[in-house]
PDB file of N, CA and C in Angstrom:
ATOM      1  N   MET A   1     289.589 -48.675 224.418  1.00  0.00           N
ATOM      2  CA  MET A   1     288.496 -48.403 225.339  1.00  0.00           C
ATOM      3  C   MET A   1     287.907 -47.020 225.107  1.00  0.00           C
ATOM      4  N   HIS A   2     288.785 -46.043 224.922  1.00  0.00           N
ATOM      5  CA  HIS A   2     288.299 -44.679 224.742  1.00  0.00           C
ATOM      6  C   HIS A   2     287.536 -44.513 223.430  1.00  0.00           C
ATOM      7  N   ILE A   3     287.995 -45.169 222.388  1.00  0.00           N
ATOM      8  CA  ILE A   3     287.291 -45.087 221.102  1.00  0.00           C
ATOM      9  C   ILE A   3     285.925 -45.759 221.212  1.00  0.00           C
ATOM     10  N   ALA A   4     285.882 -46.911 221.873  1.00  0.00           N
ATOM     11  CA  ALA A   4     284.604 -47.617 222.032  1.00  0.00           C
ATOM     12  C   ALA A   4     283.615 -46.796 222.855  1.00  0.00           C
ATOM     13  N   SER A   5     284.076 -46.208 223.959  1.00  0.00           N
ATOM     14  CA  SER A   5     283.156 -45.408 224.776  1.00  0.00           C
ATOM     15  C   SER A   5     282.709 -44.162 224.023  1.00  0.00           C
ATOM     16  N   GLY A   6     283.587 -43.572 223.233  1.00  0.00           N
ATOM     17  CA  GLY A   6     283.193 -42.425 222.417  1.00  0.00           C
ATOM     18  C   GLY A   6     282.139 -42.799 221.383  1.00  0.00           C
ATOM     19  N   ALA A   7     282.302 -43.967 220.775  1.00  0.00           N
ATOM     20  CA  ALA A   7     281.315 -44.430 219.801  1.00  0.00           C
ATOM     21  C   ALA A   7     279.959 -44.666 220.473  1.00  0.00           C
ATOM     22  N   ILE A   8     279.987 -45.217 221.686  1.00  0.00           N
ATOM     23  CA  ILE A   8     278.733 -45.441 222.407  1.00  0.00           C
ATOM     24  C   ILE A   8     278.089 -44.111 222.779  1.00  0.00           C
ATOM     25  N   PHE A   9     278.902 -43.125 223.167  1.00  0.00           N
ATOM     26  CA  PHE A   9     278.367 -41.785 223.441  1.00  0.00           C
ATOM     27  C   PHE A   9     277.672 -41.222 222.209  1.00  0.00           C
ATOM     28  N   LEU A  10     278.271 -41.384 221.043  1.00  0.00           N
ATOM     29  CA  LEU A  10     277.659 -40.879 219.812  1.00  0.00           C
ATOM     30  C   LEU A  10     276.335 -41.580 219.523  1.00  0.00           C
ATOM     31  N   VAL A  11     276.311 -42.900 219.651  1.00  0.00           N
ATOM     32  CA  VAL A  11     275.077 -43.650 219.409  1.00  0.00           C
ATOM     33  C   VAL A  11     274.003 -43.238 220.416  1.00  0.00           C
ATOM     34  N   ALA A  12     274.388 -43.102 221.687  1.00  0.00           N
ATOM     35  CA  ALA A  12     273.418 -42.705 222.718  1.00  0.00           C
ATOM     36  C   ALA A  12     272.868 -41.318 222.449  1.00  0.00           C
ATOM     37  N   SER A  13     273.734 -40.410 222.010  1.00  0.00           N
ATOM     38  CA  SER A  13     273.257 -39.042 221.750  1.00  0.00           C
ATOM     39  C   SER A  13     272.295 -39.002 220.569  1.00  0.00           C
ATOM     40  N   MET A  14     272.498 -39.875 219.594  1.00  0.00           N
ATOM     41  CA  MET A  14     271.595 -39.915 218.445  1.00  0.00           C
ATOM     42  C   MET A  14     270.306 -40.670 218.757  1.00  0.00           C
ATOM     43  N   SER A  15     270.312 -41.432 219.858  1.00  0.00           N
ATOM     44  CA  SER A  15     269.133 -42.215 220.241  1.00  0.00           C
ATOM     45  C   SER A  15     268.154 -41.422 221.086  1.00  0.00           C
ATOM     46  N   GLY A  16     268.517 -40.217 221.464  1.00  0.00           N
ATOM     47  CA  GLY A  16     267.611 -39.376 222.233  1.00  0.00           C
ATOM     48  C   GLY A  16     268.194 -38.980 223.571  1.00  0.00           C
ATOM     49  N   ALA A  17     267.516 -38.036 224.202  1.00  0.00           N
ATOM     50  CA  ALA A  17     267.992 -37.479 225.462  1.00  0.00           C
ATOM     51  C   ALA A  17     268.002 -38.518 226.574  1.00  0.00           C
ATOM     52  N   GLY A  18     267.016 -39.397 226.609  1.00  0.00           N
ATOM     53  CA  GLY A  18     266.949 -40.407 227.654  1.00  0.00           C
ATOM     54  C   GLY A  18     268.120 -41.378 227.597  1.00  0.00           C
ATOM     55  N   ALA A  19     268.476 -41.808 226.396  1.00  0.00           N
ATOM     56  CA  ALA A  19     269.608 -42.726 226.231  1.00  0.00           C
ATOM     57  C   ALA A  19     270.918 -42.043 226.594  1.00  0.00           C
ATOM     58  N   ALA A  20     271.071 -40.797 226.191  1.00  0.00           N
ATOM     59  CA  ALA A  20     272.284 -40.049 226.517  1.00  0.00           C
ATOM     60  C   ALA A  20     272.391 -39.834 228.026  1.00  0.00           C
ATOM     61  N   ARG A  21     271.279 -39.510 228.651  1.00  0.00           N
ATOM     62  CA  ARG A  21     271.257 -39.295 230.107  1.00  0.00           C
ATOM     63  C   ARG A  21     271.641 -40.569 230.836  1.00  0.00           C
ATOM     64  N   LEU A  22     271.085 -41.710 230.416  1.00  0.00           N
ATOM     65  CA  LEU A  22     271.407 -42.999 231.026  1.00  0.00           C
ATOM     66  C   LEU A  22     272.887 -43.333 230.836  1.00  0.00           C
ATOM     67  N   TRP A  23     273.404 -43.078 229.651  1.00  0.00           N
ATOM     68  CA  TRP A  23     274.808 -43.367 229.390  1.00  0.00           C
ATOM     69  C   TRP A  23     275.708 -42.514 230.280  1.00  0.00           C
ATOM     70  N   PHE A  24     275.385 -41.242 230.459  1.00  0.00           N
ATOM     71  CA  PHE A  24     276.175 -40.399 231.361  1.00  0.00           C
ATOM     72  C   PHE A  24     276.114 -40.918 232.792  1.00  0.00           C
ATOM     73  N   GLN A  25     274.974 -41.405 233.220  1.00  0.00           N
ATOM     74  CA  GLN A  25     274.854 -41.956 234.570  1.00  0.00           C
ATOM     75  C   GLN A  25     275.719 -43.207 234.727  1.00  0.00           C
ATOM     76  N   ILE A  26     275.618 -44.121 233.782  1.00  0.00           N
ATOM     77  CA  ILE A  26     276.361 -45.377 233.864  1.00  0.00           C
ATOM     78  C   ILE A  26     277.856 -45.119 233.785  1.00  0.00           C
ATOM     79  N   PHE A  27     278.276 -44.359 232.787  1.00  0.00           N
ATOM     80  CA  PHE A  27     279.705 -44.160 232.607  1.00  0.00           C
ATOM     81  C   PHE A  27     280.284 -43.248 233.679  1.00  0.00           C
ATOM     82  N   GLY A  28     279.480 -42.350 234.240  1.00  0.00           N
ATOM     83  CA  GLY A  28     279.927 -41.548 235.375  1.00  0.00           C
ATOM     84  C   GLY A  28     280.226 -42.423 236.575  1.00  0.00           C
ATOM     85  N   LEU A  29     279.374 -43.411 236.808  1.00  0.00           N
ATOM     86  CA  LEU A  29     279.614 -44.356 237.902  1.00  0.00           C
ATOM     87  C   LEU A  29     280.859 -45.201 237.641  1.00  0.00           C
ATOM     88  N   VAL A  30     281.057 -45.611 236.402  1.00  0.00           N
ATOM     89  CA  VAL A  30     282.257 -46.388 236.055  1.00  0.00           C
ATOM     90  C   VAL A  30     283.510 -45.561 236.338  1.00  0.00           C
ATOM     91  N   TYR A  31     283.519 -44.307 235.888  1.00  0.00           N
ATOM     92  CA  TYR A  31     284.678 -43.449 236.139  1.00  0.00           C
ATOM     93  C   TYR A  31     284.872 -43.195 237.629  1.00  0.00           C
ATOM     94  N   ALA A  32     283.794 -43.110 238.393  1.00  0.00           N
ATOM     95  CA  ALA A  32     283.917 -42.916 239.840  1.00  0.00           C
ATOM     96  C   ALA A  32     284.588 -44.126 240.485  1.00  0.00           C
ATOM     97  N   VAL A  33     284.204 -45.327 240.067  1.00  0.00           N
ATOM     98  CA  VAL A  33     284.826 -46.544 240.593  1.00  0.00           C
ATOM     99  C   VAL A  33     286.307 -46.585 240.217  1.00  0.00           C
ATOM    100  N   VAL A  34     286.616 -46.252 238.981  1.00  0.00           N
ATOM    101  CA  VAL A  34     288.021 -46.244 238.545  1.00  0.00           C
ATOM    102  C   VAL A  34     288.814 -45.203 239.338  1.00  0.00           C
ATOM    103  N   ALA A  35     288.211 -44.056 239.629  1.00  0.00           N
ATOM    104  CA  ALA A  35     288.896 -43.030 240.421  1.00  0.00           C
ATOM    105  C   ALA A  35     289.172 -43.520 241.834  1.00  0.00           C
ATOM    106  N   VAL A  36     288.189 -44.135 242.470  1.00  0.00           N
ATOM    107  CA  VAL A  36     288.394 -44.669 243.825  1.00  0.00           C
ATOM    108  C   VAL A  36     289.489 -45.724 243.809  1.00  0.00           C
ATOM    109  N   MET A  37     289.438 -46.614 242.832  1.00  0.00           N
ATOM    110  CA  MET A  37     290.489 -47.631 242.720  1.00  0.00           C
ATOM    111  C   MET A  37     291.851 -46.983 242.485  1.00  0.00           C
ATOM    112  N   GLY A  38     291.876 -45.899 241.735  1.00  0.00           N
ATOM    113  CA  GLY A  38     293.126 -45.190 241.502  1.00  0.00           C
ATOM    114  C   GLY A  38     293.720 -44.636 242.779  1.00  0.00           C
ATOM    115  N   PHE A  39     292.871 -44.110 243.666  1.00  0.00           N
ATOM    116  CA  PHE A  39     293.363 -43.617 244.948  1.00  0.00           C
ATOM    117  C   PHE A  39     293.893 -44.778 245.802  1.00  0.00           C
ATOM    118  N   LEU A  40     293.234 -45.925 245.731  1.00  0.00           N
ATOM    119  CA  LEU A  40     293.663 -47.079 246.524  1.00  0.00           C
ATOM    120  C   LEU A  40     294.971 -47.679 246.004  1.00  0.00           C
ATOM    121  N   VAL A  41     295.106 -47.760 244.682  1.00  0.00           N
ATOM    122  CA  VAL A  41     296.275 -48.378 244.062  1.00  0.00           C
ATOM    123  C   VAL A  41     297.470 -47.430 244.051  1.00  0.00           C
ATOM    124  N   GLY A  42     297.219 -46.157 243.831  1.00  0.00           N
ATOM    125  CA  GLY A  42     298.326 -45.212 243.669  1.00  0.00           C
ATOM    126  C   GLY A  42     298.937 -45.372 242.291  1.00  0.00           C
ATOM    127  N   ASP A  43     300.260 -45.297 242.231  1.00  0.00           N
ATOM    128  CA  ASP A  43     300.944 -45.508 240.955  1.00  0.00           C
ATOM    129  C   ASP A  43     301.056 -47.007 240.717  1.00  0.00           C
ATOM    130  N   GLY A  44     300.391 -47.482 239.692  1.00  0.00           N
ATOM    131  CA  GLY A  44     300.405 -48.911 239.395  1.00  0.00           C
ATOM    132  C   GLY A  44     299.270 -49.261 238.459  1.00  0.00           C
ATOM    133  N   MET A  45     298.858 -50.510 238.510  1.00  0.00           N
ATOM    134  CA  MET A  45     297.822 -51.009 237.617  1.00  0.00           C
ATOM    135  C   MET A  45     296.511 -51.211 238.371  1.00  0.00           C
ATOM    136  N   ILE A  46     295.421 -50.762 237.770  1.00  0.00           N
ATOM    137  CA  ILE A  46     294.086 -50.984 238.312  1.00  0.00           C
ATOM    138  C   ILE A  46     293.510 -52.200 237.608  1.00  0.00           C
ATOM    139  N   PHE A  47     293.111 -53.199 238.375  1.00  0.00           N
ATOM    140  CA  PHE A  47     292.549 -54.442 237.839  1.00  0.00           C
ATOM    141  C   PHE A  47     293.493 -55.107 236.829  1.00  0.00           C
ATOM    142  N   ASN A  48     294.779 -54.824 236.920  1.00  0.00           N
ATOM    143  CA  ASN A  48     295.784 -55.323 235.969  1.00  0.00           C
ATOM    144  C   ASN A  48     295.444 -54.977 234.520  1.00  0.00           C
ATOM    145  N   LEU A  49     294.660 -53.901 234.329  1.00  0.00           N
ATOM    146  CA  LEU A  49     294.255 -53.478 232.985  1.00  0.00           C
ATOM    147  C   LEU A  49     294.571 -52.012 232.698  1.00  0.00           C
ATOM    148  N   ILE A  50     294.479 -51.171 233.719  1.00  0.00           N
ATOM    149  CA  ILE A  50     294.547 -49.728 233.528  1.00  0.00           C
ATOM    150  C   ILE A  50     295.779 -49.180 234.231  1.00  0.00           C
ATOM    151  N   ALA A  51     296.720 -48.633 233.448  1.00  0.00           N
ATOM    152  CA  ALA A  51     297.885 -47.986 234.045  1.00  0.00           C
ATOM    153  C   ALA A  51     297.404 -46.723 234.755  1.00  0.00           C
ATOM    154  N   ASN A  52     297.935 -46.482 235.943  1.00  0.00           N
ATOM    155  CA  ASN A  52     297.417 -45.382 236.750  1.00  0.00           C
ATOM    156  C   ASN A  52     298.551 -44.599 237.400  1.00  0.00           C
ATOM    157  N   ASN A  53     298.354 -43.285 237.457  1.00  0.00           N
ATOM    158  CA  ASN A  53     299.183 -42.415 238.274  1.00  0.00           C
ATOM    159  C   ASN A  53     298.269 -41.348 238.868  1.00  0.00           C
ATOM    160  N   GLN A  54     298.824 -40.444 239.644  1.00  0.00           N
ATOM    161  CA  GLN A  54     297.994 -39.453 240.333  1.00  0.00           C
ATOM    162  C   GLN A  54     297.218 -38.565 239.358  1.00  0.00           C
ATOM    163  N   ASN A  55     297.850 -38.189 238.257  1.00  0.00           N
ATOM    164  CA  ASN A  55     297.150 -37.353 237.266  1.00  0.00           C
ATOM    165  C   ASN A  55     295.969 -38.095 236.650  1.00  0.00           C
ATOM    166  N   ASP A  56     296.143 -39.385 236.353  1.00  0.00           N
ATOM    167  CA  ASP A  56     295.042 -40.190 235.822  1.00  0.00           C
ATOM    168  C   ASP A  56     293.876 -40.230 236.801  1.00  0.00           C
ATOM    169  N   THR A  57     294.207 -40.420 238.073  1.00  0.00           N
ATOM    170  CA  THR A  57     293.160 -40.514 239.090  1.00  0.00           C
ATOM    171  C   THR A  57     292.348 -39.236 239.148  1.00  0.00           C
ATOM    172  N   TRP A  58     293.017 -38.087 239.172  1.00  0.00           N
ATOM    173  CA  TRP A  58     292.288 -36.820 239.251  1.00  0.00           C
ATOM    174  C   TRP A  58     291.495 -36.543 237.972  1.00  0.00           C
ATOM    175  N   LEU A  59     292.005 -36.998 236.824  1.00  0.00           N
ATOM    176  CA  LEU A  59     291.244 -36.868 235.575  1.00  0.00           C
ATOM    177  C   LEU A  59     289.976 -37.716 235.651  1.00  0.00           C
ATOM    178  N   HIS A  60     290.083 -38.923 236.196  1.00  0.00           N
ATOM    179  CA  HIS A  60     288.898 -39.775 236.345  1.00  0.00           C
ATOM    180  C   HIS A  60     287.899 -39.164 237.320  1.00  0.00           C
ATOM    181  N   VAL A  61     288.395 -38.516 238.374  1.00  0.00           N
ATOM    182  CA  VAL A  61     287.494 -37.823 239.310  1.00  0.00           C
ATOM    183  C   VAL A  61     286.734 -36.725 238.571  1.00  0.00           C
ATOM    184  N   ALA A  62     287.456 -35.905 237.807  1.00  0.00           N
ATOM    185  CA  ALA A  62     286.813 -34.799 237.085  1.00  0.00           C
ATOM    186  C   ALA A  62     285.785 -35.318 236.082  1.00  0.00           C
ATOM    187  N   LEU A  63     286.149 -36.353 235.335  1.00  0.00           N
ATOM    188  CA  LEU A  63     285.212 -36.922 234.367  1.00  0.00           C
ATOM    189  C   LEU A  63     283.980 -37.492 235.064  1.00  0.00           C
ATOM    190  N   ALA A  64     284.181 -38.177 236.180  1.00  0.00           N
ATOM    191  CA  ALA A  64     283.047 -38.746 236.919  1.00  0.00           C
ATOM    192  C   ALA A  64     282.119 -37.646 237.404  1.00  0.00           C
ATOM    193  N   VAL A  65     282.668 -36.575 237.964  1.00  0.00           N
ATOM    194  CA  VAL A  65     281.839 -35.480 238.480  1.00  0.00           C
ATOM    195  C   VAL A  65     281.024 -34.851 237.360  1.00  0.00           C
ATOM    196  N   VAL A  66     281.665 -34.576 236.241  1.00  0.00           N
ATOM    197  CA  VAL A  66     280.957 -33.936 235.118  1.00  0.00           C
ATOM    198  C   VAL A  66     279.887 -34.864 234.554  1.00  0.00           C
ATOM    199  N   MET A  67     280.235 -36.132 234.334  1.00  0.00           N
ATOM    200  CA  MET A  67     279.260 -37.067 233.763  1.00  0.00           C
ATOM    201  C   MET A  67     278.091 -37.321 234.707  1.00  0.00           C
ATOM    202  N   LEU A  68     278.373 -37.457 235.994  1.00  0.00           N
ATOM    203  CA  LEU A  68     277.283 -37.655 236.952  1.00  0.00           C
ATOM    204  C   LEU A  68     276.408 -36.412 237.069  1.00  0.00           C
ATOM    205  N   ALA A  69     277.021 -35.236 237.003  1.00  0.00           N
ATOM    206  CA  ALA A  69     276.239 -33.993 237.046  1.00  0.00           C
ATOM    207  C   ALA A  69     275.309 -33.898 235.836  1.00  0.00           C
ATOM    208  N   ILE A  70     275.819 -34.252 234.663  1.00  0.00           N
ATOM    209  CA  ILE A  70     274.985 -34.236 233.461  1.00  0.00           C
ATOM    210  C   ILE A  70     273.912 -35.322 233.543  1.00  0.00           C
ATOM    211  N   GLY A  71     274.317 -36.533 233.926  1.00  0.00           N
ATOM    212  CA  GLY A  71     273.393 -37.671 233.945  1.00  0.00           C
ATOM    213  C   GLY A  71     272.270 -37.533 234.957  1.00  0.00           C
ATOM    214  N   PHE A  72     272.602 -37.021 236.140  1.00  0.00           N
ATOM    215  CA  PHE A  72     271.572 -36.915 237.187  1.00  0.00           C
ATOM    216  C   PHE A  72     271.021 -35.511 237.324  1.00  0.00           C
ATOM    217  N   GLY A  73     271.712 -34.526 236.762  1.00  0.00           N
ATOM    218  CA  GLY A  73     271.286 -33.137 236.913  1.00  0.00           C
ATOM    219  C   GLY A  73     270.344 -32.636 235.839  1.00  0.00           C
ATOM    220  N   THR A  74     270.282 -33.348 234.727  1.00  0.00           N
ATOM    221  CA  THR A  74     269.387 -32.927 233.653  1.00  0.00           C
ATOM    222  C   THR A  74     267.993 -33.508 233.906  1.00  0.00           C
ATOM    223  N   PRO A  75     266.970 -32.752 233.587  1.00  0.00           N
ATOM    224  CA  PRO A  75     265.613 -33.253 233.826  1.00  0.00           C
ATOM    225  C   PRO A  75     265.242 -34.373 232.856  1.00  0.00           C
ATOM    226  N   LYS A  76     264.408 -35.277 233.337  1.00  0.00           N
ATOM    227  CA  LYS A  76     263.885 -36.334 232.472  1.00  0.00           C
ATOM    228  C   LYS A  76     262.934 -35.691 231.465  1.00  0.00           C
ATOM    229  N   GLN A  77     262.916 -36.242 230.291  1.00  0.00           N
ATOM    230  CA  GLN A  77     262.017 -35.749 229.245  1.00  0.00           C
ATOM    231  C   GLN A  77     260.611 -36.285 229.497  1.00  0.00           C
ATOM    232  N   ALA A  78     259.630 -35.436 229.384  1.00  0.00           N
ATOM    233  CA  ALA A  78     258.231 -35.859 229.523  1.00  0.00           C
ATOM    234  C   ALA A  78     257.832 -36.610 228.258  1.00  0.00           C
ATOM    235  N   ALA A  79     257.106 -37.706 228.436  1.00  0.00           N
ATOM    236  CA  ALA A  79     256.707 -38.526 227.280  1.00  0.00           C
ATOM    237  C   ALA A  79     255.534 -37.947 226.556  1.00  0.00           C
TER     238      ALA A  79
END
């Protein structure tokens, strides 16, 4: 999963600022959902796919905050 998302980040960054901004918005929301689920599940499995503990949850929170800040905080490019 991490390799695939990294590859998509690279493709989005090479596709322009708008694509990169959209990708940060989408993936920031995904990480936010995973973080919320991590708080609900605690130590265990999220969606029976993602092993989770408290450190994982806080890492997902940090990633979500940074990605959402980049995705929504950067100005749109004028056409």
